[in-house]
Each structure stands twice: as C-alpha cells, then as structure tokens.
C-alpha cells in the first residue's frame, strides 16, 4: 500500500544510522535519546560517521537542535526527518 512511505535504501558504508523517539527538545547526550525498540517503528533519524560534522561553526543554537553528543565521544546528527528501519535495515 502507499501509506508506508518512500524506500530510500540502506545507509552507505561507514554511516551509522539509528531511529530514536521523536523529540523537539535538545538532547544533551545520546544517553538521553530513546532508541525505538522494533523494526518498522517510526521515529527520528540520526546518523554519525567520520564525514558528519560534529558541530555547526559559530551556531550554538543549531548545535542544540541538530547535534547530540555521545558519551563515547563524537556525536550524532539529527537529520530532521522521520522514518523507520524495515526488516532488511
């Protein structure tokens, strides 16, 4: 049926992608994010990779909204889109 969205494929090699519960609030740590538990559960798309900038230059407001620091170092970028992972990733 047409209500499942648009298939956009799998993440490219080297890009880690997760789906977290959607929130309009800034997240001060990825430990504050709640990853969705099951496939086909919609949420906010976040990514991290070596080629994803850790912060916006001179944009603390954008960093609060668009970046999530990770306790293990680095951080996650909030894509601003909702989606889900199917059984094939």
N, C-alpha and C. Protein backbone atom coordinates (compact mmCIF):
# COMPACT_ATOMS: atom_id res chain seq x y z
N UNK A 1 0.84 -1.18 0.00
CA UNK A 1 0.00 0.00 0.00
C UNK A 1 0.88 1.24 0.00
N UNK A 2 0.33 2.39 -0.33
CA UNK A 2 1.09 3.62 -0.46
C UNK A 2 1.31 4.37 0.85
N UNK A 3 0.87 3.84 1.97
CA UNK A 3 1.00 4.57 3.22
C UNK A 3 2.23 4.17 4.04
N UNK A 4 3.17 3.46 3.45
CA UNK A 4 4.36 3.04 4.19
C UNK A 4 5.55 3.97 3.95
N UNK A 5 5.39 4.99 3.15
CA UNK A 5 6.47 5.94 2.91
C UNK A 5 7.26 5.59 1.66
N UNK A 6 8.42 6.20 1.55
CA UNK A 6 9.27 6.02 0.39
C UNK A 6 10.53 5.28 0.81
N UNK A 7 10.84 4.18 0.17
CA UNK A 7 12.06 3.44 0.45
C UNK A 7 13.26 4.26 -0.03
N UNK A 8 14.20 4.51 0.87
CA UNK A 8 15.37 5.30 0.48
C UNK A 8 16.65 4.46 0.48
N UNK A 9 16.56 3.20 0.78
CA UNK A 9 17.72 2.32 0.72
C UNK A 9 18.44 2.21 2.05
N UNK A 10 19.58 1.52 2.00
CA UNK A 10 20.38 1.29 3.20
C UNK A 10 21.42 2.40 3.36
N UNK A 11 21.87 2.62 4.60
CA UNK A 11 22.94 3.61 4.80
C UNK A 11 24.21 3.19 4.06
N UNK A 12 24.95 4.15 3.59
CA UNK A 12 26.22 3.87 2.93
C UNK A 12 27.21 3.29 3.93
N UNK A 13 28.20 2.54 3.44
CA UNK A 13 29.22 2.01 4.35
C UNK A 13 29.88 3.14 5.14
N UNK A 14 30.11 2.90 6.42
CA UNK A 14 30.75 3.89 7.28
C UNK A 14 29.78 4.83 7.96
N UNK A 15 28.50 4.76 7.61
CA UNK A 15 27.50 5.62 8.24
C UNK A 15 26.65 4.78 9.18
N UNK A 16 26.63 5.18 10.43
CA UNK A 16 25.81 4.51 11.42
C UNK A 16 24.50 5.28 11.53
N UNK A 17 23.38 4.57 11.45
CA UNK A 17 22.06 5.18 11.46
C UNK A 17 21.23 4.53 12.55
N UNK A 18 20.53 5.35 13.31
CA UNK A 18 19.61 4.84 14.33
C UNK A 18 18.30 5.61 14.23
N UNK A 19 17.27 5.01 14.76
CA UNK A 19 15.96 5.64 14.87
C UNK A 19 15.68 5.83 16.36
N UNK A 20 15.42 7.07 16.74
CA UNK A 20 15.12 7.37 18.14
C UNK A 20 13.71 7.94 18.24
N UNK A 21 13.16 7.92 19.44
CA UNK A 21 11.85 8.53 19.65
C UNK A 21 11.95 10.01 19.33
N UNK A 22 10.99 10.50 18.58
CA UNK A 22 10.99 11.91 18.16
C UNK A 22 10.82 12.83 19.35
N UNK A 23 11.60 13.90 19.33
CA UNK A 23 11.50 14.92 20.37
C UNK A 23 11.88 16.27 19.78
N UNK A 24 11.19 17.28 20.17
CA UNK A 24 11.52 18.64 19.73
C UNK A 24 12.59 19.25 20.64
N UNK A 25 12.84 18.61 21.77
CA UNK A 25 13.78 19.14 22.76
C UNK A 25 15.22 18.84 22.38
N UNK A 26 16.15 19.74 22.73
CA UNK A 26 17.57 19.42 22.58
C UNK A 26 17.92 18.23 23.48
N UNK A 27 18.81 17.39 23.02
CA UNK A 27 19.28 16.26 23.82
C UNK A 27 20.74 16.52 24.16
N UNK A 28 21.05 16.58 25.44
CA UNK A 28 22.40 16.93 25.89
C UNK A 28 23.37 15.78 25.76
N UNK A 29 22.85 14.56 25.62
CA UNK A 29 23.67 13.37 25.48
C UNK A 29 22.86 12.30 24.76
N UNK A 30 23.55 11.42 24.02
CA UNK A 30 22.83 10.35 23.36
C UNK A 30 22.21 9.40 24.38
N UNK A 31 22.74 9.40 25.61
CA UNK A 31 22.14 8.60 26.68
C UNK A 31 20.71 9.07 26.98
N UNK A 32 20.40 10.34 26.65
CA UNK A 32 19.05 10.87 26.85
C UNK A 32 18.09 10.48 25.74
N UNK A 33 18.62 10.00 24.61
CA UNK A 33 17.78 9.58 23.49
C UNK A 33 17.21 8.20 23.77
N UNK A 34 16.02 7.96 23.27
CA UNK A 34 15.41 6.64 23.43
C UNK A 34 15.30 6.00 22.07
N UNK A 35 16.13 5.02 21.84
CA UNK A 35 16.12 4.31 20.57
C UNK A 35 14.84 3.48 20.46
N UNK A 36 14.22 3.47 19.27
CA UNK A 36 13.00 2.68 19.11
C UNK A 36 13.36 1.20 19.22
N UNK A 37 12.44 0.43 19.77
CA UNK A 37 12.74 -0.96 20.11
C UNK A 37 12.56 -1.95 18.96
N UNK A 38 11.72 -1.64 18.01
CA UNK A 38 11.39 -2.63 16.99
C UNK A 38 11.51 -2.07 15.59
N UNK A 39 11.75 -2.97 14.63
CA UNK A 39 11.76 -2.53 13.24
C UNK A 39 10.35 -2.07 12.86
N UNK A 40 10.29 -1.22 11.87
CA UNK A 40 9.04 -0.65 11.37
C UNK A 40 8.35 0.27 12.38
N UNK A 41 9.10 0.72 13.40
CA UNK A 41 8.58 1.69 14.35
C UNK A 41 9.15 3.05 13.97
N UNK A 42 8.29 3.99 13.65
CA UNK A 42 8.74 5.30 13.19
C UNK A 42 9.36 6.10 14.32
N UNK A 43 10.32 6.92 13.93
CA UNK A 43 10.98 7.82 14.86
C UNK A 43 11.87 8.78 14.10
N UNK A 44 12.70 9.47 14.83
CA UNK A 44 13.60 10.47 14.26
C UNK A 44 14.89 9.79 13.78
N UNK A 45 15.34 10.14 12.58
CA UNK A 45 16.55 9.54 12.01
C UNK A 45 17.77 10.33 12.50
N UNK A 46 18.75 9.60 13.06
CA UNK A 46 20.01 10.20 13.47
C UNK A 46 21.16 9.41 12.86
N UNK A 47 22.24 10.10 12.52
CA UNK A 47 23.40 9.44 11.90
C UNK A 47 24.69 9.94 12.53
N UNK A 48 25.72 9.11 12.39
CA UNK A 48 27.06 9.56 12.73
C UNK A 48 28.03 8.83 11.80
N UNK A 49 29.11 9.53 11.48
CA UNK A 49 30.16 8.99 10.61
C UNK A 49 31.32 9.96 10.63
N UNK A 50 32.45 9.52 10.10
CA UNK A 50 33.62 10.39 10.05
C UNK A 50 33.38 11.63 9.21
N UNK A 51 32.51 11.53 8.22
CA UNK A 51 32.25 12.67 7.33
C UNK A 51 31.07 13.53 7.77
N UNK A 52 30.54 13.28 8.97
CA UNK A 52 29.45 14.09 9.53
C UNK A 52 30.06 15.06 10.53
N UNK A 53 29.86 16.34 10.31
CA UNK A 53 30.48 17.34 11.18
C UNK A 53 29.99 17.20 12.62
N UNK A 54 30.90 17.35 13.57
CA UNK A 54 30.50 17.23 14.98
C UNK A 54 29.71 18.44 15.48
N UNK A 55 29.84 19.57 14.80
CA UNK A 55 29.11 20.76 15.22
C UNK A 55 29.03 21.76 14.08
N UNK A 56 28.10 22.69 14.21
CA UNK A 56 28.00 23.80 13.28
C UNK A 56 28.93 24.91 13.77
N UNK A 57 29.66 25.52 12.88
CA UNK A 57 30.60 26.57 13.23
C UNK A 57 29.87 27.85 13.62
N UNK A 58 30.12 28.33 14.81
CA UNK A 58 29.54 29.58 15.32
C UNK A 58 28.01 29.56 15.35
N UNK A 59 27.41 28.39 15.56
CA UNK A 59 25.95 28.26 15.59
C UNK A 59 25.50 27.44 16.80
N UNK A 60 25.68 27.98 18.00
CA UNK A 60 25.29 27.21 19.19
C UNK A 60 23.81 26.83 19.20
N UNK A 61 22.96 27.68 18.63
CA UNK A 61 21.53 27.36 18.57
C UNK A 61 21.27 26.15 17.69
N UNK A 62 21.96 26.08 16.55
CA UNK A 62 21.80 24.94 15.64
C UNK A 62 22.40 23.67 16.25
N UNK A 63 23.49 23.82 16.99
CA UNK A 63 24.09 22.66 17.65
C UNK A 63 23.14 22.05 18.67
N UNK A 64 22.44 22.91 19.43
CA UNK A 64 21.48 22.41 20.41
C UNK A 64 20.35 21.62 19.75
N UNK A 65 19.90 22.10 18.60
CA UNK A 65 18.77 21.46 17.91
C UNK A 65 19.19 20.27 17.06
N UNK A 66 20.39 20.34 16.44
CA UNK A 66 20.75 19.37 15.43
C UNK A 66 21.81 18.36 15.78
N UNK A 67 22.45 18.50 16.92
CA UNK A 67 23.54 17.59 17.29
C UNK A 67 23.25 16.96 18.64
N UNK A 68 23.67 15.71 18.81
CA UNK A 68 23.53 15.01 20.09
C UNK A 68 24.90 14.45 20.45
N UNK A 69 25.55 15.01 21.46
CA UNK A 69 26.85 14.47 21.88
C UNK A 69 26.69 13.03 22.37
N UNK A 70 27.72 12.21 22.11
CA UNK A 70 27.72 10.83 22.57
C UNK A 70 28.71 10.68 23.71
N UNK A 71 28.33 9.91 24.70
CA UNK A 71 29.20 9.73 25.86
C UNK A 71 30.51 9.05 25.49
N UNK A 72 30.54 8.29 24.41
CA UNK A 72 31.75 7.61 23.97
C UNK A 72 32.62 8.47 23.07
N UNK A 73 32.27 9.74 22.93
CA UNK A 73 33.00 10.63 22.04
C UNK A 73 32.24 10.81 20.73
N UNK A 74 32.52 11.88 20.04
CA UNK A 74 31.81 12.16 18.80
C UNK A 74 30.39 12.58 19.08
N UNK A 75 29.54 12.36 18.13
CA UNK A 75 28.15 12.75 18.31
C UNK A 75 27.29 12.29 17.16
N UNK A 76 26.02 12.54 17.31
CA UNK A 76 25.01 12.16 16.33
C UNK A 76 24.41 13.41 15.71
N UNK A 77 24.05 13.32 14.44
CA UNK A 77 23.40 14.41 13.72
C UNK A 77 21.94 14.05 13.54
N UNK A 78 21.08 14.97 13.96
CA UNK A 78 19.64 14.79 13.79
C UNK A 78 19.28 15.22 12.37
N UNK A 79 18.79 14.31 11.58
CA UNK A 79 18.52 14.56 10.17
C UNK A 79 17.32 15.50 9.94
N UNK A 80 16.44 15.59 10.92
CA UNK A 80 15.25 16.42 10.74
C UNK A 80 14.15 15.69 10.00
N UNK A 81 14.30 14.39 9.85
CA UNK A 81 13.31 13.56 9.16
C UNK A 81 12.85 12.44 10.07
N UNK A 82 11.65 11.96 9.81
CA UNK A 82 11.13 10.79 10.50
C UNK A 82 11.18 9.62 9.55
N UNK A 83 11.38 8.44 10.09
CA UNK A 83 11.42 7.24 9.27
C UNK A 83 11.48 6.02 10.15
N UNK A 84 11.68 4.87 9.51
CA UNK A 84 11.83 3.62 10.25
C UNK A 84 12.73 2.70 9.45
N UNK A 85 13.28 1.72 10.15
CA UNK A 85 14.06 0.68 9.51
C UNK A 85 13.15 -0.53 9.30
N UNK A 86 13.19 -1.10 8.12
CA UNK A 86 12.42 -2.31 7.90
C UNK A 86 13.25 -3.52 8.32
N UNK A 87 12.76 -4.71 8.07
CA UNK A 87 13.45 -5.91 8.50
C UNK A 87 14.79 -6.11 7.80
N UNK A 88 15.02 -5.41 6.71
CA UNK A 88 16.28 -5.54 5.96
C UNK A 88 17.22 -4.36 6.21
N UNK A 89 16.87 -3.51 7.16
CA UNK A 89 17.74 -2.38 7.50
C UNK A 89 17.53 -1.18 6.63
